[in-house]
Amino acid sequence: MTKFALILKSLLLSLALSFAAFAASPVNINSADATALASGLHGVGPAKAQAIVDYRQAHGPFKSVDQLASVKGIGAATVEKNRDRIQLDATRAAQPE
């Protein structure tokens, strides 16, 4: 029974880690739609995600991750919490300025 419990725990841990890796996939803030932004960024719901899309359409692509704090409803804390999840383009992850 102990061997079975160890195998079961190992499988559950593997499953949990695979979900964590999926949830942490980066979001390109210059091309993602509101649904992708809301599901990919912590503390960003549908209204804030739409505000990001609206800001991007009005001002052009984001040039830095810190520029995201210029969006109404998105503060520096939200930017910091999501910095490792944000991409500015397909090849380059967002870096602090």
PDB file of N, CA and C in Angstrom:
ATOM      1  N   MET A   1       0.822  -1.198   0.000  1.00  0.00           N
ATOM      2  CA  MET A   1       0.000   0.000   0.000  1.00  0.00           C
ATOM      3  C   MET A   1       0.864   1.258   0.000  1.00  0.00           C
ATOM      4  N   THR A   2       1.971   1.240   0.679  1.00  0.00           N
ATOM      5  CA  THR A   2       2.842   2.404   0.734  1.00  0.00           C
ATOM      6  C   THR A   2       3.410   2.728  -0.644  1.00  0.00           C
ATOM      7  N   LYS A   3       3.781   1.706  -1.397  1.00  0.00           N
ATOM      8  CA  LYS A   3       4.311   1.922  -2.737  1.00  0.00           C
ATOM      9  C   LYS A   3       3.236   2.540  -3.641  1.00  0.00           C
ATOM     10  N   PHE A   4       2.015   2.058  -3.506  1.00  0.00           N
ATOM     11  CA  PHE A   4       0.892   2.602  -4.275  1.00  0.00           C
ATOM     12  C   PHE A   4       0.662   4.075  -3.937  1.00  0.00           C
ATOM     13  N   ALA A   5       0.706   4.404  -2.655  1.00  0.00           N
ATOM     14  CA  ALA A   5       0.498   5.791  -2.232  1.00  0.00           C
ATOM     15  C   ALA A   5       1.593   6.691  -2.783  1.00  0.00           C
ATOM     16  N   LEU A   6       2.824   6.217  -2.800  1.00  0.00           N
ATOM     17  CA  LEU A   6       3.937   6.998  -3.331  1.00  0.00           C
ATOM     18  C   LEU A   6       3.756   7.246  -4.832  1.00  0.00           C
ATOM     19  N   ILE A   7       3.355   6.218  -5.554  1.00  0.00           N
ATOM     20  CA  ILE A   7       3.124   6.365  -6.993  1.00  0.00           C
ATOM     21  C   ILE A   7       1.972   7.335  -7.252  1.00  0.00           C
ATOM     22  N   LEU A   8       0.910   7.205  -6.490  1.00  0.00           N
ATOM     23  CA  LEU A   8      -0.236   8.095  -6.645  1.00  0.00           C
ATOM     24  C   LEU A   8       0.142   9.547  -6.357  1.00  0.00           C
ATOM     25  N   LYS A   9       0.899   9.771  -5.297  1.00  0.00           N
ATOM     26  CA  LYS A   9       1.342  11.133  -4.970  1.00  0.00           C
ATOM     27  C   LYS A   9       2.227  11.692  -6.073  1.00  0.00           C
ATOM     28  N   SER A  10       3.097  10.856  -6.623  1.00  0.00           N
ATOM     29  CA  SER A  10       3.976  11.301  -7.708  1.00  0.00           C
ATOM     30  C   SER A  10       3.171  11.701  -8.939  1.00  0.00           C
ATOM     31  N   LEU A  11       2.170  10.912  -9.266  1.00  0.00           N
ATOM     32  CA  LEU A  11       1.320  11.241 -10.413  1.00  0.00           C
ATOM     33  C   LEU A  11       0.546  12.538 -10.196  1.00  0.00           C
ATOM     34  N   LEU A  12       0.023  12.709  -9.005  1.00  0.00           N
ATOM     35  CA  LEU A  12      -0.720  13.937  -8.700  1.00  0.00           C
ATOM     36  C   LEU A  12       0.191  15.160  -8.741  1.00  0.00           C
ATOM     37  N   LEU A  13       1.410  15.022  -8.231  1.00  0.00           N
ATOM     38  CA  LEU A  13       2.360  16.130  -8.270  1.00  0.00           C
ATOM     39  C   LEU A  13       2.712  16.478  -9.713  1.00  0.00           C
ATOM     40  N   SER A  14       2.931  15.468 -10.535  1.00  0.00           N
ATOM     41  CA  SER A  14       3.235  15.706 -11.948  1.00  0.00           C
ATOM     42  C   SER A  14       2.090  16.433 -12.642  1.00  0.00           C
ATOM     43  N   LEU A  15       0.886  16.014 -12.351  1.00  0.00           N
ATOM     44  CA  LEU A  15      -0.287  16.658 -12.934  1.00  0.00           C
ATOM     45  C   LEU A  15      -0.399  18.115 -12.485  1.00  0.00           C
ATOM     46  N   ALA A  16      -0.181  18.363 -11.212  1.00  0.00           N
ATOM     47  CA  ALA A  16      -0.257  19.727 -10.687  1.00  0.00           C
ATOM     48  C   ALA A  16       0.807  20.616 -11.322  1.00  0.00           C
ATOM     49  N   LEU A  17       2.010  20.104 -11.482  1.00  0.00           N
ATOM     50  CA  LEU A  17       3.082  20.890 -12.089  1.00  0.00           C
ATOM     51  C   LEU A  17       2.801  21.176 -13.560  1.00  0.00           C
ATOM     52  N   SER A  18       2.185  20.241 -14.253  1.00  0.00           N
ATOM     53  CA  SER A  18       1.876  20.488 -15.661  1.00  0.00           C
ATOM     54  C   SER A  18       0.818  21.579 -15.805  1.00  0.00           C
ATOM     55  N   PHE A  19      -0.156  21.626 -14.899  1.00  0.00           N
ATOM     56  CA  PHE A  19      -1.144  22.705 -14.931  1.00  0.00           C
ATOM     57  C   PHE A  19      -0.500  24.046 -14.608  1.00  0.00           C
ATOM     58  N   ALA A  20       0.434  24.065 -13.671  1.00  0.00           N
ATOM     59  CA  ALA A  20       1.122  25.305 -13.314  1.00  0.00           C
ATOM     60  C   ALA A  20       1.927  25.825 -14.495  1.00  0.00           C
ATOM     61  N   ALA A  21       2.576  24.938 -15.216  1.00  0.00           N
ATOM     62  CA  ALA A  21       3.355  25.355 -16.382  1.00  0.00           C
ATOM     63  C   ALA A  21       2.447  25.921 -17.465  1.00  0.00           C
ATOM     64  N   PHE A  22       1.283  25.325 -17.654  1.00  0.00           N
ATOM     65  CA  PHE A  22       0.340  25.815 -18.656  1.00  0.00           C
ATOM     66  C   PHE A  22      -0.189  27.191 -18.276  1.00  0.00           C
ATOM     67  N   ALA A  23      -0.501  27.384 -17.017  1.00  0.00           N
ATOM     68  CA  ALA A  23      -1.067  28.649 -16.554  1.00  0.00           C
ATOM     69  C   ALA A  23      -0.066  29.789 -16.659  1.00  0.00           C
ATOM     70  N   ALA A  24       1.217  29.477 -16.635  1.00  0.00           N
ATOM     71  CA  ALA A  24       2.240  30.506 -16.642  1.00  0.00           C
ATOM     72  C   ALA A  24       2.720  30.855 -18.050  1.00  0.00           C
ATOM     73  N   SER A  25       2.043  30.390 -19.086  1.00  0.00           N
ATOM     74  CA  SER A  25       2.490  30.708 -20.433  1.00  0.00           C
ATOM     75  C   SER A  25       2.330  32.205 -20.679  1.00  0.00           C
ATOM     76  N   PRO A  26       3.304  32.813 -21.346  1.00  0.00           N
ATOM     77  CA  PRO A  26       3.291  34.262 -21.536  1.00  0.00           C
ATOM     78  C   PRO A  26       2.148  34.750 -22.428  1.00  0.00           C
ATOM     79  N   VAL A  27       1.769  35.996 -22.206  1.00  0.00           N
ATOM     80  CA  VAL A  27       0.704  36.644 -22.974  1.00  0.00           C
ATOM     81  C   VAL A  27       1.315  37.825 -23.720  1.00  0.00           C
ATOM     82  N   ASN A  28       1.113  37.865 -25.022  1.00  0.00           N
ATOM     83  CA  ASN A  28       1.601  38.978 -25.828  1.00  0.00           C
ATOM     84  C   ASN A  28       0.583  40.110 -25.736  1.00  0.00           C
ATOM     85  N   ILE A  29       0.930  41.159 -24.992  1.00  0.00           N
ATOM     86  CA  ILE A  29      -0.023  42.248 -24.766  1.00  0.00           C
ATOM     87  C   ILE A  29      -0.244  43.105 -26.011  1.00  0.00           C
ATOM     88  N   ASN A  30       0.578  42.917 -27.041  1.00  0.00           N
ATOM     89  CA  ASN A  30       0.395  43.675 -28.277  1.00  0.00           C
ATOM     90  C   ASN A  30      -0.471  42.958 -29.302  1.00  0.00           C
ATOM     91  N   SER A  31      -0.805  41.699 -29.047  1.00  0.00           N
ATOM     92  CA  SER A  31      -1.645  40.988 -30.012  1.00  0.00           C
ATOM     93  C   SER A  31      -2.801  40.216 -29.374  1.00  0.00           C
ATOM     94  N   ALA A  32      -2.758  39.996 -28.075  1.00  0.00           N
ATOM     95  CA  ALA A  32      -3.802  39.203 -27.411  1.00  0.00           C
ATOM     96  C   ALA A  32      -5.128  39.950 -27.387  1.00  0.00           C
ATOM     97  N   ASP A  33      -6.208  39.192 -27.519  1.00  0.00           N
ATOM     98  CA  ASP A  33      -7.529  39.794 -27.374  1.00  0.00           C
ATOM     99  C   ASP A  33      -7.887  39.878 -25.887  1.00  0.00           C
ATOM    100  N   ALA A  34      -9.011  40.489 -25.591  1.00  0.00           N
ATOM    101  CA  ALA A  34      -9.403  40.712 -24.196  1.00  0.00           C
ATOM    102  C   ALA A  34      -9.576  39.398 -23.435  1.00  0.00           C
ATOM    103  N   THR A  35     -10.081  38.378 -24.087  1.00  0.00           N
ATOM    104  CA  THR A  35     -10.275  37.086 -23.427  1.00  0.00           C
ATOM    105  C   THR A  35      -8.943  36.482 -23.011  1.00  0.00           C
ATOM    106  N   ALA A  36      -7.958  36.523 -23.906  1.00  0.00           N
ATOM    107  CA  ALA A  36      -6.631  35.979 -23.594  1.00  0.00           C
ATOM    108  C   ALA A  36      -5.953  36.782 -22.491  1.00  0.00           C
ATOM    109  N   LEU A  37      -6.114  38.092 -22.508  1.00  0.00           N
ATOM    110  CA  LEU A  37      -5.522  38.928 -21.465  1.00  0.00           C
ATOM    111  C   LEU A  37      -6.148  38.621 -20.108  1.00  0.00           C
ATOM    112  N   ALA A  38      -7.460  38.496 -20.068  1.00  0.00           N
ATOM    113  CA  ALA A  38      -8.156  38.235 -18.808  1.00  0.00           C
ATOM    114  C   ALA A  38      -7.798  36.871 -18.239  1.00  0.00           C
ATOM    115  N   SER A  39      -7.619  35.894 -19.094  1.00  0.00           N
ATOM    116  CA  SER A  39      -7.305  34.556 -18.588  1.00  0.00           C
ATOM    117  C   SER A  39      -5.822  34.371 -18.314  1.00  0.00           C
ATOM    118  N   GLY A  40      -4.967  35.168 -18.946  1.00  0.00           N
ATOM    119  CA  GLY A  40      -3.528  34.974 -18.798  1.00  0.00           C
ATOM    120  C   GLY A  40      -2.846  35.849 -17.774  1.00  0.00           C
ATOM    121  N   LEU A  41      -3.490  36.916 -17.339  1.00  0.00           N
ATOM    122  CA  LEU A  41      -2.865  37.845 -16.400  1.00  0.00           C
ATOM    123  C   LEU A  41      -3.616  37.844 -15.076  1.00  0.00           C
ATOM    124  N   HIS A  42      -2.875  37.750 -13.983  1.00  0.00           N
ATOM    125  CA  HIS A  42      -3.478  37.767 -12.647  1.00  0.00           C
ATOM    126  C   HIS A  42      -3.970  39.171 -12.309  1.00  0.00           C
ATOM    127  N   GLY A  43      -5.160  39.252 -11.756  1.00  0.00           N
ATOM    128  CA  GLY A  43      -5.720  40.530 -11.347  1.00  0.00           C
ATOM    129  C   GLY A  43      -6.320  41.329 -12.488  1.00  0.00           C
ATOM    130  N   VAL A  44      -6.430  40.708 -13.661  1.00  0.00           N
ATOM    131  CA  VAL A  44      -7.002  41.373 -14.831  1.00  0.00           C
ATOM    132  C   VAL A  44      -8.244  40.597 -15.249  1.00  0.00           C
ATOM    133  N   GLY A  45      -9.395  41.233 -15.072  1.00  0.00           N
ATOM    134  CA  GLY A  45     -10.652  40.625 -15.481  1.00  0.00           C
ATOM    135  C   GLY A  45     -11.066  41.137 -16.843  1.00  0.00           C
ATOM    136  N   PRO A  46     -12.281  40.825 -17.254  1.00  0.00           N
ATOM    137  CA  PRO A  46     -12.743  41.234 -18.587  1.00  0.00           C
ATOM    138  C   PRO A  46     -12.727  42.747 -18.822  1.00  0.00           C
ATOM    139  N   ALA A  47     -13.108  43.536 -17.831  1.00  0.00           N
ATOM    140  CA  ALA A  47     -13.151  44.996 -18.022  1.00  0.00           C
ATOM    141  C   ALA A  47     -11.746  45.578 -18.177  1.00  0.00           C
ATOM    142  N   LYS A  48     -10.818  45.165 -17.323  1.00  0.00           N
ATOM    143  CA  LYS A  48      -9.439  45.663 -17.438  1.00  0.00           C
ATOM    144  C   LYS A  48      -8.788  45.161 -18.723  1.00  0.00           C
ATOM    145  N   ALA A  49      -9.081  43.928 -19.092  1.00  0.00           N
ATOM    146  CA  ALA A  49      -8.530  43.382 -20.335  1.00  0.00           C
ATOM    147  C   ALA A  49      -9.015  44.192 -21.533  1.00  0.00           C
ATOM    148  N   GLN A  50     -10.285  44.559 -21.538  1.00  0.00           N
ATOM    149  CA  GLN A  50     -10.811  45.380 -22.631  1.00  0.00           C
ATOM    150  C   GLN A  50     -10.171  46.765 -22.616  1.00  0.00           C
ATOM    151  N   ALA A  51      -9.890  47.293 -21.422  1.00  0.00           N
ATOM    152  CA  ALA A  51      -9.214  48.589 -21.323  1.00  0.00           C
ATOM    153  C   ALA A  51      -7.810  48.512 -21.926  1.00  0.00           C
ATOM    154  N   ILE A  52      -7.131  47.385 -21.744  1.00  0.00           N
ATOM    155  CA  ILE A  52      -5.801  47.193 -22.340  1.00  0.00           C
ATOM    156  C   ILE A  52      -5.916  47.199 -23.864  1.00  0.00           C
ATOM    157  N   VAL A  53      -6.880  46.473 -24.393  1.00  0.00           N
ATOM    158  CA  VAL A  53      -7.088  46.424 -25.844  1.00  0.00           C
ATOM    159  C   VAL A  53      -7.436  47.814 -26.377  1.00  0.00           C
ATOM    160  N   ASP A  54      -8.318  48.530 -25.689  1.00  0.00           N
ATOM    161  CA  ASP A  54      -8.708  49.880 -26.120  1.00  0.00           C
ATOM    162  C   ASP A  54      -7.513  50.829 -26.110  1.00  0.00           C
ATOM    163  N   TYR A  55      -6.691  50.757 -25.065  1.00  0.00           N
ATOM    164  CA  TYR A  55      -5.502  51.605 -24.973  1.00  0.00           C
ATOM    165  C   TYR A  55      -4.555  51.296 -26.135  1.00  0.00           C
ATOM    166  N   ARG A  56      -4.347  50.016 -26.397  1.00  0.00           N
ATOM    167  CA  ARG A  56      -3.449  49.595 -27.475  1.00  0.00           C
ATOM    168  C   ARG A  56      -3.954  50.090 -28.825  1.00  0.00           C
ATOM    169  N   GLN A  57      -5.269  50.051 -29.038  1.00  0.00           N
ATOM    170  CA  GLN A  57      -5.830  50.527 -30.304  1.00  0.00           C
ATOM    171  C   GLN A  57      -5.706  52.042 -30.439  1.00  0.00           C
ATOM    172  N   ALA A  58      -5.797  52.757 -29.330  1.00  0.00           N
ATOM    173  CA  ALA A  58      -5.717  54.223 -29.361  1.00  0.00           C
ATOM    174  C   ALA A  58      -4.283  54.739 -29.438  1.00  0.00           C
ATOM    175  N   HIS A  59      -3.338  54.018 -28.816  1.00  0.00           N
ATOM    176  CA  HIS A  59      -1.966  54.526 -28.686  1.00  0.00           C
ATOM    177  C   HIS A  59      -0.918  53.702 -29.424  1.00  0.00           C
ATOM    178  N   GLY A  60      -1.320  52.632 -30.053  1.00  0.00           N
ATOM    179  CA  GLY A  60      -0.358  51.770 -30.740  1.00  0.00           C
ATOM    180  C   GLY A  60       0.210  50.723 -29.795  1.00  0.00           C
ATOM    181  N   PRO A  61       1.110  49.900 -30.310  1.00  0.00           N
ATOM    182  CA  PRO A  61       1.651  48.801 -29.506  1.00  0.00           C
ATOM    183  C   PRO A  61       2.424  49.293 -28.286  1.00  0.00           C
ATOM    184  N   PHE A  62       2.401  48.478 -27.252  1.00  0.00           N
ATOM    185  CA  PHE A  62       3.178  48.781 -26.051  1.00  0.00           C
ATOM    186  C   PHE A  62       4.656  48.639 -26.380  1.00  0.00           C
ATOM    187  N   LYS A  63       5.447  49.607 -25.953  1.00  0.00           N
ATOM    188  CA  LYS A  63       6.886  49.578 -26.197  1.00  0.00           C
ATOM    189  C   LYS A  63       7.646  49.009 -25.003  1.00  0.00           C
ATOM    190  N   SER A  64       7.015  49.031 -23.830  1.00  0.00           N
ATOM    191  CA  SER A  64       7.623  48.453 -22.629  1.00  0.00           C
ATOM    192  C   SER A  64       6.525  47.887 -21.747  1.00  0.00           C
ATOM    193  N   VAL A  65       6.905  46.970 -20.893  1.00  0.00           N
ATOM    194  CA  VAL A  65       5.936  46.384 -19.976  1.00  0.00           C
ATOM    195  C   VAL A  65       5.429  47.437 -18.997  1.00  0.00           C
ATOM    196  N   ASP A  66       6.277  48.388 -18.625  1.00  0.00           N
ATOM    197  CA  ASP A  66       5.882  49.429 -17.681  1.00  0.00           C
ATOM    198  C   ASP A  66       4.816  50.361 -18.251  1.00  0.00           C
ATOM    199  N   GLN A  67       4.740  50.469 -19.561  1.00  0.00           N
ATOM    200  CA  GLN A  67       3.722  51.303 -20.203  1.00  0.00           C
ATOM    201  C   GLN A  67       2.320  50.770 -19.917  1.00  0.00           C
ATOM    202  N   LEU A  68       2.219  49.491 -19.583  1.00  0.00           N
ATOM    203  CA  LEU A  68       0.924  48.894 -19.256  1.00  0.00           C
ATOM    204  C   LEU A  68       0.271  49.602 -18.073  1.00  0.00           C
ATOM    205  N   ALA A  69       1.075  50.173 -17.176  1.00  0.00           N
ATOM    206  CA  ALA A  69       0.541  50.893 -16.018  1.00  0.00           C
ATOM    207  C   ALA A  69      -0.186  52.178 -16.425  1.00  0.00           C
ATOM    208  N   SER A  70      -0.038  52.612 -17.664  1.00  0.00           N
ATOM    209  CA  SER A  70      -0.751  53.794 -18.157  1.00  0.00           C
ATOM    210  C   SER A  70      -2.216  53.504 -18.453  1.00  0.00           C
ATOM    211  N   VAL A  71      -2.574  52.229 -18.504  1.00  0.00           N
ATOM    212  CA  VAL A  71      -3.960  51.837 -18.775  1.00  0.00           C
ATOM    213  C   VAL A  71      -4.784  52.048 -17.514  1.00  0.00           C
ATOM    214  N   LYS A  72      -5.929  52.709 -17.657  1.00  0.00           N
ATOM    215  CA  LYS A  72      -6.803  52.950 -16.509  1.00  0.00           C
ATOM    216  C   LYS A  72      -7.198  51.618 -15.872  1.00  0.00           C
ATOM    217  N   GLY A  73      -6.983  51.515 -14.561  1.00  0.00           N
ATOM    218  CA  GLY A  73      -7.318  50.301 -13.828  1.00  0.00           C
ATOM    219  C   GLY A  73      -6.158  49.341 -13.659  1.00  0.00           C
ATOM    220  N   ILE A  74      -5.055  49.597 -14.346  1.00  0.00           N
ATOM    221  CA  ILE A  74      -3.864  48.750 -14.227  1.00  0.00           C
ATOM    222  C   ILE A  74      -2.797  49.564 -13.514  1.00  0.00           C
ATOM    223  N   GLY A  75      -2.407  49.121 -12.343  1.00  0.00           N
ATOM    224  CA  GLY A  75      -1.390  49.834 -11.581  1.00  0.00           C
ATOM    225  C   GLY A  75      -0.052  49.125 -11.621  1.00  0.00           C
ATOM    226  N   ALA A  76       0.928  49.741 -10.978  1.00  0.00           N
ATOM    227  CA  ALA A  76       2.276  49.177 -10.938  1.00  0.00           C
ATOM    228  C   ALA A  76       2.293  47.801 -10.279  1.00  0.00           C
ATOM    229  N   ALA A  77       1.458  47.593  -9.276  1.00  0.00           N
ATOM    230  CA  ALA A  77       1.425  46.292  -8.591  1.00  0.00           C
ATOM    231  C   ALA A  77       0.953  45.192  -9.542  1.00  0.00           C
ATOM    232  N   THR A  78      -0.032  45.483 -10.359  1.00  0.00           N
ATOM    233  CA  THR A  78      -0.516  44.495 -11.333  1.00  0.00           C
ATOM    234  C   THR A  78       0.557  44.202 -12.371  1.00  0.00           C
ATOM    235  N   VAL A  79       1.266  45.228 -12.800  1.00  0.00           N
ATOM    236  CA  VAL A  79       2.352  45.036 -13.764  1.00  0.00           C
ATOM    237  C   VAL A  79       3.427  44.141 -13.160  1.00  0.00           C
ATOM    238  N   GLU A  80       3.849  44.433 -11.942  1.00  0.00           N
ATOM    239  CA  GLU A  80       4.898  43.638 -11.291  1.00  0.00           C
ATOM    240  C   GLU A  80       4.459  42.194 -11.088  1.00  0.00           C
ATOM    241  N   LYS A  81       3.216  42.004 -10.693  1.00  0.00           N
ATOM    242  CA  LYS A  81       2.697  40.659 -10.441  1.00  0.00           C
ATOM    243  C   LYS A  81       2.703  39.817 -11.718  1.00  0.00           C
ATOM    244  N   ASN A  82       2.592  40.472 -12.865  1.00  0.00           N
ATOM    245  CA  ASN A  82       2.483  39.764 -14.139  1.00  0.00           C
ATOM    246  C   ASN A  82       3.703  39.904 -15.036  1.00  0.00           C
ATOM    247  N   ARG A  83       4.733  40.567 -14.576  1.00  0.00           N
ATOM    248  CA  ARG A  83       5.885  40.866 -15.433  1.00  0.00           C
ATOM    249  C   ARG A  83       6.423  39.630 -16.152  1.00  0.00           C
ATOM    250  N   ASP A  84       6.512  38.499 -15.452  1.00  0.00           N
ATOM    251  CA  ASP A  84       7.058  37.295 -16.080  1.00  0.00           C
ATOM    252  C   ASP A  84       6.073  36.621 -17.032  1.00  0.00           C
ATOM    253  N   ARG A  85       4.837  37.054 -17.060  1.00  0.00           N
ATOM    254  CA  ARG A  85       3.819  36.490 -17.954  1.00  0.00           C
ATOM    255  C   ARG A  85       3.629  37.327 -19.222  1.00  0.00           C
ATOM    256  N   ILE A  86       4.223  38.501 -19.264  1.00  0.00           N
ATOM    257  CA  ILE A  86       3.960  39.454 -20.343  1.00  0.00           C
ATOM    258  C   ILE A  86       5.042  39.380 -21.412  1.00  0.00           C
ATOM    259  N   GLN A  87       4.597  39.334 -22.664  1.00  0.00           N
ATOM    260  CA  GLN A  87       5.489  39.472 -23.809  1.00  0.00           C
ATOM    261  C   GLN A  87       5.045  40.683 -24.615  1.00  0.00           C
ATOM    262  N   LEU A  88       6.021  41.331 -25.230  1.00  0.00           N
ATOM    263  CA  LEU A  88       5.708  42.469 -26.093  1.00  0.00           C
ATOM    264  C   LEU A  88       5.616  42.049 -27.552  1.00  0.00           C
ATOM    265  N   ASP A  89       6.315  41.002 -27.918  1.00  0.00           N
ATOM    266  CA  ASP A  89       6.223  40.441 -29.263  1.00  0.00           C
ATOM    267  C   ASP A  89       6.477  38.947 -29.179  1.00  0.00           C
ATOM    268  N   ALA A  90       6.454  38.285 -30.288  1.00  0.00           N
ATOM    269  CA  ALA A  90       6.533  36.823 -30.290  1.00  0.00           C
ATOM    270  C   ALA A  90       7.910  36.294 -29.905  1.00  0.00           C
ATOM    271  N   THR A  91       8.946  37.100 -30.008  1.00  0.00           N
ATOM    272  CA  THR A  91      10.293  36.582 -29.778  1.00  0.00           C
ATOM    273  C   THR A  91      10.947  37.098 -28.512  1.00  0.00           C
ATOM    274  N   ARG A  92      10.394  38.115 -27.905  1.00  0.00           N
ATOM    275  CA  ARG A  92      11.081  38.765 -26.798  1.00  0.00           C
ATOM    276  C   ARG A  92      10.151  38.893 -25.605  1.00  0.00           C
ATOM    277  N   ALA A  93      10.566  38.353 -24.471  1.00  0.00           N
ATOM    278  CA  ALA A  93       9.799  38.527 -23.239  1.00  0.00           C
ATOM    279  C   ALA A  93      10.006  39.943 -22.731  1.00  0.00           C
ATOM    280  N   ALA A  94       9.030  40.464 -22.028  1.00  0.00           N
ATOM    281  CA  ALA A  94       9.105  41.825 -21.503  1.00  0.00           C
ATOM    282  C   ALA A  94      10.191  41.925 -20.450  1.00  0.00           C
ATOM    283  N   GLN A  95      10.979  42.975 -20.523  1.00  0.00           N
ATOM    284  CA  GLN A  95      12.048  43.227 -19.564  1.00  0.00           C
ATOM    285  C   GLN A  95      11.760  44.533 -18.834  1.00  0.00           C
ATOM    286  N   PRO A  96      12.168  44.632 -17.561  1.00  0.00           N
ATOM    287  CA  PRO A  96      11.970  45.899 -16.851  1.00  0.00           C
ATOM    288  C   PRO A  96      12.848  46.982 -17.450  1.00  0.00           C
ATOM    289  N   GLU A  97      12.378  48.203 -17.370  1.00  0.00           N
ATOM    290  CA  GLU A  97      13.174  49.328 -17.879  1.00  0.00           C
ATOM    291  C   GLU A  97      13.778  50.099 -16.745  1.00  0.00           C
TER     292      GLU A  97
END
